[in-house]
Protein backbone atom coordinates (compact mmCIF):
# COMPACT_ATOMS: atom_id res chain seq x y z
CA MET A 1 -28.11 63.07 2.62
CA LYS A 2 -24.49 62.96 1.78
CA LYS A 3 -24.69 59.17 1.76
CA LEU A 4 -27.71 59.05 -0.54
CA VAL A 5 -25.54 61.77 -3.17
CA LEU A 6 -22.74 59.33 -2.78
CA VAL A 7 -24.71 56.16 -3.39
CA LEU A 8 -26.57 57.79 -6.41
CA ALA A 9 -22.98 58.92 -7.75
CA LEU A 10 -21.49 55.55 -7.58
CA VAL A 11 -24.70 53.72 -9.00
CA LEU A 12 -25.54 56.53 -11.44
CA PRO A 13 -22.48 55.55 -14.12
CA VAL A 14 -23.42 51.73 -13.66
CA THR A 15 -26.91 52.71 -14.88
CA VAL A 16 -25.34 54.65 -17.89
CA GLN A 17 -23.14 52.04 -18.81
CA ALA A 18 -26.05 49.53 -18.81
CA ASP A 19 -28.37 51.72 -21.13
CA GLU A 20 -25.34 52.27 -23.28
CA LYS A 21 -24.84 48.66 -23.95
CA THR A 22 -28.47 48.28 -24.14
CA ASN A 23 -28.58 50.63 -26.81
CA ALA A 24 -25.60 49.09 -28.28
CA CYS A 25 -27.16 45.93 -28.54
CA ILE A 26 -30.34 47.09 -30.17
CA SER A 27 -28.37 48.77 -32.62
CA VAL A 28 -26.43 45.57 -33.33
CA LEU A 29 -30.01 43.58 -33.44
CA GLN A 30 -31.40 46.29 -35.86
CA THR A 31 -28.44 46.12 -37.97
CA GLY A 32 -28.32 42.30 -38.09
CA MET A 33 -31.93 42.03 -38.80
CA TYR A 34 -31.84 44.58 -41.59
CA ASN A 35 -28.81 42.80 -43.39
CA GLY A 36 -30.76 39.57 -43.07
CA LEU A 37 -33.46 41.00 -44.90
CA LEU A 38 -30.90 42.40 -47.60
CA GLU A 39 -29.58 38.96 -47.95
CA LYS A 40 -33.07 37.48 -48.14
CA ILE A 41 -34.44 40.26 -50.69
CA CYS A 42 -31.50 40.99 -52.68
CA GLY A 43 -29.50 37.58 -52.59
CA PHE A 44 -26.61 39.03 -50.72
CA LYS A 45 -24.43 36.57 -49.76
CA GLY A 46 -21.70 38.15 -47.50
CA GLY A 47 -23.04 36.37 -44.31
CA VAL A 48 -23.39 39.44 -42.62
CA LYS A 49 -26.45 38.63 -40.69
CA ASP A 50 -24.52 35.70 -39.02
CA LYS A 51 -21.36 37.87 -38.02
CA LEU A 52 -23.74 40.36 -36.32
CA LYS A 53 -25.87 37.60 -34.97
CA ASN A 54 -22.52 36.41 -33.27
CA MET A 55 -21.73 39.79 -32.23
CA TYR A 56 -24.74 40.17 -30.56
CA ALA A 57 -24.39 36.71 -28.59
CA GLU A 58 -20.90 37.19 -27.60
CA GLY A 59 -21.38 40.69 -26.55
CA GLY A 60 -23.62 39.40 -23.70
CA CYS A 61 -26.84 40.93 -25.57
CA VAL A 62 -29.20 38.36 -25.07
CA PRO A 63 -30.07 38.67 -21.61
CA LEU A 64 -30.28 42.38 -21.96
CA ILE A 65 -33.17 42.79 -24.50
CA SER A 66 -36.53 41.44 -23.41
CA GLY A 67 -38.92 39.59 -26.13
CA GLU A 68 -40.76 42.35 -26.17
CA THR A 69 -38.18 44.61 -27.41
CA LEU A 70 -36.83 41.83 -29.83
CA ASP A 71 -40.62 41.58 -31.47
CA ALA A 72 -40.72 45.47 -31.86
CA VAL A 73 -37.39 45.78 -33.35
CA SER A 74 -38.31 43.05 -35.63
CA ARG A 75 -41.43 44.58 -36.81
CA GLU A 76 -39.89 47.89 -37.00
CA VAL A 77 -36.73 46.97 -39.31
CA THR A 78 -39.29 44.52 -41.58
CA SER A 79 -41.90 47.24 -41.92
CA ASP A 80 -39.10 49.86 -42.64
CA THR A 81 -37.02 47.46 -45.23
CA TYR A 82 -39.95 46.70 -47.26
CA SER A 83 -41.39 49.78 -47.22
CA ARG A 84 -38.13 51.20 -48.73
CA LYS A 85 -37.78 48.48 -51.21
CA ASP A 86 -41.45 49.00 -52.37
CA VAL A 87 -40.91 53.03 -53.05
CA MET A 88 -37.51 52.51 -54.45
CA GLY A 89 -38.09 49.25 -56.51
CA LYS A 90 -35.99 46.06 -55.91
CA LYS A 91 -33.45 46.58 -58.31
CA ASP A 92 -32.43 50.33 -57.14
CA PHE A 93 -33.04 49.20 -53.53
CA CYS A 94 -30.44 46.32 -53.68
CA ALA A 95 -28.06 48.37 -55.75
CA GLY A 96 -28.23 51.15 -53.16
CA ASN A 97 -27.40 49.19 -50.36
CA LYS A 98 -24.49 46.71 -51.89
CA GLN A 99 -21.88 48.73 -51.24
CA ALA A 100 -22.59 49.33 -47.45
CA TYR A 101 -23.50 45.69 -47.32
CA ASN A 102 -20.07 44.78 -48.66
CA ALA A 103 -18.16 47.00 -46.38
CA LEU A 104 -19.67 44.95 -43.31
CA LYS A 105 -18.35 41.58 -44.83
């Protein structure tokens, strides 16, 4: 029993770290997709999407995120972004996101 507890104590932190990295990768993915849509919808030209895309790749995220998760995140971000734009109107939506977008340049 003591060996099992010791093994769990050694494995659990690795699992928690992996979960934290996966969550961080999903966050970068969501942010990159959102900013890509801002670039598309609002015409922002700061290259934020590409910076986040590089961060995602260089951070070792590609093998951590399944195709299913990637597709689900894409659907969620796209739906949420266009819903916000439709409710706010394009002009207000873009104006409301410009400062945060510029902060990421």
